[in-house]
Amino acid sequence: MHLVTGGAGFIGSHLVDSLVAKGNSVRVLDNFSSGREEFLQHHKGKGKVEIFKADLLDLESVKKAMKGIDTVHHLAANPDIRLGTEITDTDLKQGTMATYNVLEAMRLNDVKRISFSSSSAIYGEANIMPTPETYGPILPISLYGASKLASEALISSWCGTFGGEAWIHRFANIVGPRGTHGVIFDFIHKLKNNPNRLEVLGNGLQEKSYMSAGDCVRAMIHLIDYSKENVSLYNLGTGDTCSVRRIAEIVVEESGLKNVSIEYTGGDRGWAGDVPKTSLDVERLFATKFVPTMQSEDAIRYTVKELIKEIGL
């Protein structure tokens, strides 16, 4: 059986769908702070998905949820990087400490396989772009990025000390249906509140790698099947980038609204800890014969269309 932490969340629920489609039974561990039961509703009564409602900071609950598991997919984390600038122990608790509890529960239940969702945020303001997995020294500039890097270190050290296999996936910005946060989500809500004006944080020149949630979870499962290293580390992305300015234009285009004024707050980043530009080197991923179905801009446009249907505009 597979355990998916954060399985009721945005990316987690897409992963649950993919695992079930491959014939697997899945236990979802989620505290539903940001996850939603409706994201898993279509699995109800079919006998493939079991929901275990608990918080990863409660080690006793995590130990119970880990019984009978052979592979853990650890996605649960604080989904909002900006929150860490206001409540500074958010990522320490929901990221690093939660990862420790997952690993300790695995050790106590003799579970040997973990797939971990990390982030391009760990690279900070890299001076090599596209940035390869071998880049260093790694100096994150957000508490979220620091938490993900600390979790990577815990996982590799756990494998080294207690044995086991790990797959660490450093995500580009993941977008798609069921999104509950992020720039596209924010833009649609802003237009819903004021259809005449769209405020963009920063100068709009921020540029990042984007990947569809469908391609992301497909890559994760592909790498678990493909790579048999003790600790496998891969960037997950599409090999291209898209600017915030272009995202704003796509949102306005797909909204059908006329005469929308796109206004920029100025500065080279949206908030403290925001990395103005990220570009991931994904040649190692592509060498495994994985091919994304959508490039960054295509994934963004598809997401805008789907979220407008979900949110309403």
Foldseek 3Di string as FASTA:
>chain_A
DEEEECLQADLNLLLLVVCVVVVAAYEYEYQPPPGDPVSCVVCPPVRRYHYQHDALLPLVSLLVSCAPHQEYEYDWAPPDLVVCVVVVCRRVVRFQSSLVSNLVSCLVRVHFYYEYEAAPQQQDQDPDPQDEPPDDDGDHQTSNSVSRVNSLVVVVVSCVPVNHAYEYEHEWAEFAARDDDDLLLVQLVVCVVPVAEGEDAAPQAQKTFYAYSNLVSVLSVLCVVQDDDRYHYAYDGQQGMDTSNVLNVLLNVLVPGPNHHYHYPHDQARDRSGHRYHGHDHVVSVVSVRHGPDGRVRNSNNRSNNVCVVVPD
